[in-house]
Amino acid sequence: MATNAQADTTAPNESAQVLEFQLGEETYCVEIEYVAEIVDMGELTAIPNSPPHIEGVMDLRGRTTSIVNPRRVLNVSGEERRKRIIVFDPDEMPNEEAVGWIVDEVYQVTRIDGENVDQPPGAADNAITGVVKREDGFVMWIDPEEVHG
């Protein structure tokens, strides 16, 4: 499991395994060490007066899990297919929160070589820690600790 210090240094410098997923027309990734499981989109219970990026909660394996829409945090437009939820390991999240993200699709786990990762342009958004260059385009590397409930 990655510690916060490891996660912060891995994105731009070293190779790492990441989970790739889709939001809108773009492909994103997170370090696989953060991911506990992937589940199908299910019934959510709304939480009154919650921040706009919190879609609600759901019971996952006996634990109440906050479900975040990362599109709202990252300002992603386009049609939402909302097929899967990436559930993060609470031990890896701030305050040991049980958090899941609604994503359009989950693709694969792949190894990213650090020399193919650039710093994001502008670097104003702490959630995007790097841009992975590939032959078929770019993948935005997300820090899940910056996109949480």
Protein backbone atom coordinates (compact mmCIF):
# COMPACT_ATOMS: atom_id res chain seq x y z
CA MET A 1 0.00 0.00 0.00
CA ALA A 2 1.22 3.47 -0.86
CA THR A 3 1.77 5.98 1.85
CA ASN A 4 1.01 9.62 1.21
CA ALA A 5 4.71 10.37 0.68
CA GLN A 6 5.02 7.55 -1.85
CA ALA A 7 1.90 8.62 -3.71
CA ASP A 8 3.09 12.23 -3.96
CA THR A 9 6.45 11.28 -5.47
CA THR A 10 5.33 8.45 -7.74
CA ALA A 11 3.28 10.31 -10.37
CA PRO A 12 5.93 12.36 -12.15
CA ASN A 13 9.14 10.42 -11.36
CA GLU A 14 8.80 6.63 -11.13
CA SER A 15 6.91 3.86 -12.82
CA ALA A 16 3.67 2.74 -11.20
CA GLN A 17 0.60 0.65 -11.85
CA VAL A 18 -2.52 2.70 -12.47
CA LEU A 19 -6.20 2.05 -13.11
CA GLU A 20 -7.43 3.81 -16.26
CA PHE A 21 -11.01 5.05 -16.51
CA GLN A 22 -13.15 7.37 -18.60
CA LEU A 23 -14.93 10.60 -17.72
CA GLY A 24 -16.56 12.25 -20.71
CA GLU A 25 -14.21 12.09 -23.68
CA GLU A 26 -11.04 11.91 -21.59
CA THR A 27 -9.08 9.06 -20.04
CA TYR A 28 -7.87 9.42 -16.47
CA CYS A 29 -5.90 7.21 -14.10
CA VAL A 30 -5.23 6.72 -10.39
CA GLU A 31 -2.58 4.64 -8.68
CA ILE A 32 -3.92 1.12 -8.19
CA GLU A 33 -2.78 1.12 -4.54
CA TYR A 34 -5.65 3.49 -3.75
CA VAL A 35 -8.32 1.24 -5.30
CA ALA A 36 -10.18 -1.32 -3.15
CA GLU A 37 -12.72 -2.51 -5.74
CA ILE A 38 -14.84 -1.60 -8.73
CA VAL A 39 -18.61 -2.03 -8.54
CA ASP A 40 -21.53 -1.41 -10.87
CA MET A 41 -23.48 1.78 -10.40
CA GLY A 42 -26.28 1.19 -7.92
CA GLU A 43 -28.93 2.98 -5.91
CA LEU A 44 -27.69 6.05 -4.04
CA THR A 45 -29.22 7.73 -1.01
CA ALA A 46 -29.09 11.53 -1.29
CA ILE A 47 -27.64 13.54 1.59
CA PRO A 48 -29.38 16.87 2.22
CA ASN A 49 -27.12 19.94 2.21
CA SER A 50 -24.09 18.01 0.92
CA PRO A 51 -21.54 19.64 -1.40
CA PRO A 52 -22.48 19.52 -5.11
CA HIS A 53 -19.82 16.91 -5.94
CA ILE A 54 -21.28 14.41 -3.42
CA GLU A 55 -23.97 12.40 -5.24
CA GLY A 56 -25.02 10.51 -2.12
CA VAL A 57 -24.07 7.43 -0.15
CA MET A 58 -24.42 3.70 -0.61
CA ASP A 59 -23.86 0.68 1.57
CA LEU A 60 -20.85 -1.27 0.32
CA ARG A 61 -20.02 -4.38 2.30
CA GLY A 62 -21.62 -2.97 5.45
CA ARG A 63 -19.84 0.37 5.27
CA THR A 64 -21.54 3.66 4.37
CA THR A 65 -19.56 5.00 1.41
CA SER A 66 -19.74 8.59 0.11
CA ILE A 67 -20.14 8.62 -3.66
CA VAL A 68 -18.36 11.50 -5.40
CA ASN A 69 -18.89 12.73 -8.95
CA PRO A 70 -15.33 13.66 -9.98
CA ARG A 71 -16.72 15.37 -13.12
CA ARG A 72 -17.91 18.22 -10.91
CA VAL A 73 -14.53 18.62 -9.22
CA LEU A 74 -12.56 18.37 -12.49
CA ASN A 75 -15.07 20.37 -14.60
CA VAL A 76 -15.58 17.53 -17.11
CA SER A 77 -18.38 18.08 -19.60
CA GLY A 78 -20.12 15.69 -21.96
CA GLU A 79 -22.63 12.90 -21.65
CA GLU A 80 -22.52 10.92 -18.41
CA ARG A 81 -22.87 7.15 -18.72
CA ARG A 82 -22.34 6.52 -14.99
CA LYS A 83 -21.63 2.79 -15.32
CA ARG A 84 -19.12 2.03 -12.59
CA ILE A 85 -17.96 3.15 -9.16
CA ILE A 86 -14.30 3.05 -8.24
CA VAL A 87 -14.19 2.37 -4.50
CA PHE A 88 -11.08 3.60 -2.73
CA ASP A 89 -9.29 1.92 0.15
CA PRO A 90 -10.30 3.94 3.23
CA ASP A 91 -6.84 3.39 4.75
CA GLU A 92 -5.36 5.38 1.85
CA MET A 93 -7.84 8.28 1.95
CA PRO A 94 -7.78 11.43 4.13
CA ASN A 95 -9.44 10.81 7.48
CA GLU A 96 -9.90 7.15 6.46
CA GLU A 97 -13.08 8.06 4.58
CA ALA A 98 -14.99 5.42 2.63
CA VAL A 99 -15.25 7.04 -0.82
CA GLY A 100 -16.22 5.94 -4.32
CA TRP A 101 -16.18 7.78 -7.66
CA ILE A 102 -18.82 7.54 -10.36
CA VAL A 103 -17.08 6.98 -13.70
CA ASP A 104 -18.31 6.31 -17.22
CA GLU A 105 -16.16 3.25 -17.79
CA VAL A 106 -13.19 1.41 -16.28
CA TYR A 107 -10.59 0.27 -18.79
CA GLN A 108 -7.52 -1.50 -17.46
CA VAL A 109 -4.66 -1.64 -15.02
CA THR A 110 -1.45 -0.65 -16.74
CA ARG A 111 2.12 0.23 -15.85
CA ILE A 112 3.14 3.83 -16.47
CA ASP A 113 6.80 4.72 -16.92
CA GLY A 114 7.67 7.94 -15.09
CA GLU A 115 9.60 9.31 -18.06
CA ASN A 116 6.31 9.44 -20.00
CA VAL A 117 4.65 11.67 -17.39
CA ASP A 118 4.73 15.46 -17.70
CA GLN A 119 3.62 18.06 -15.19
CA PRO A 120 0.10 19.29 -15.97
CA PRO A 121 -0.06 22.63 -17.79
CA GLY A 122 -0.90 25.48 -15.47
CA ALA A 123 -0.75 23.12 -12.45
CA ALA A 124 -3.54 25.17 -10.86
CA ASP A 125 -5.59 22.06 -10.10
CA ASN A 126 -3.96 19.94 -7.38
CA ALA A 127 -6.12 16.96 -8.37
CA ILE A 128 -4.24 16.47 -11.66
CA THR A 129 -0.69 15.45 -10.76
CA GLY A 130 0.57 14.53 -14.21
CA VAL A 131 -0.18 14.00 -17.89
CA VAL A 132 0.80 10.61 -19.30
CA LYS A 133 1.93 10.71 -22.94
CA ARG A 134 0.99 7.70 -25.09
CA GLU A 135 0.86 6.96 -28.80
CA ASP A 136 -2.94 7.13 -28.77
CA GLY A 137 -3.21 10.36 -26.75
CA PHE A 138 -2.94 11.55 -23.18
CA VAL A 139 -4.09 10.22 -19.81
CA MET A 140 -4.65 12.59 -16.89
CA TRP A 141 -3.14 11.27 -13.65
CA ILE A 142 -5.42 12.10 -10.70
CA ASP A 143 -4.55 12.26 -7.00
CA PRO A 144 -7.63 10.76 -5.30
CA GLU A 145 -6.74 12.49 -2.04
CA GLU A 146 -7.58 15.80 -3.76
CA VAL A 147 -10.98 14.59 -5.05
CA HIS A 148 -12.76 13.24 -2.01
CA GLY A 149 -15.87 13.71 0.04
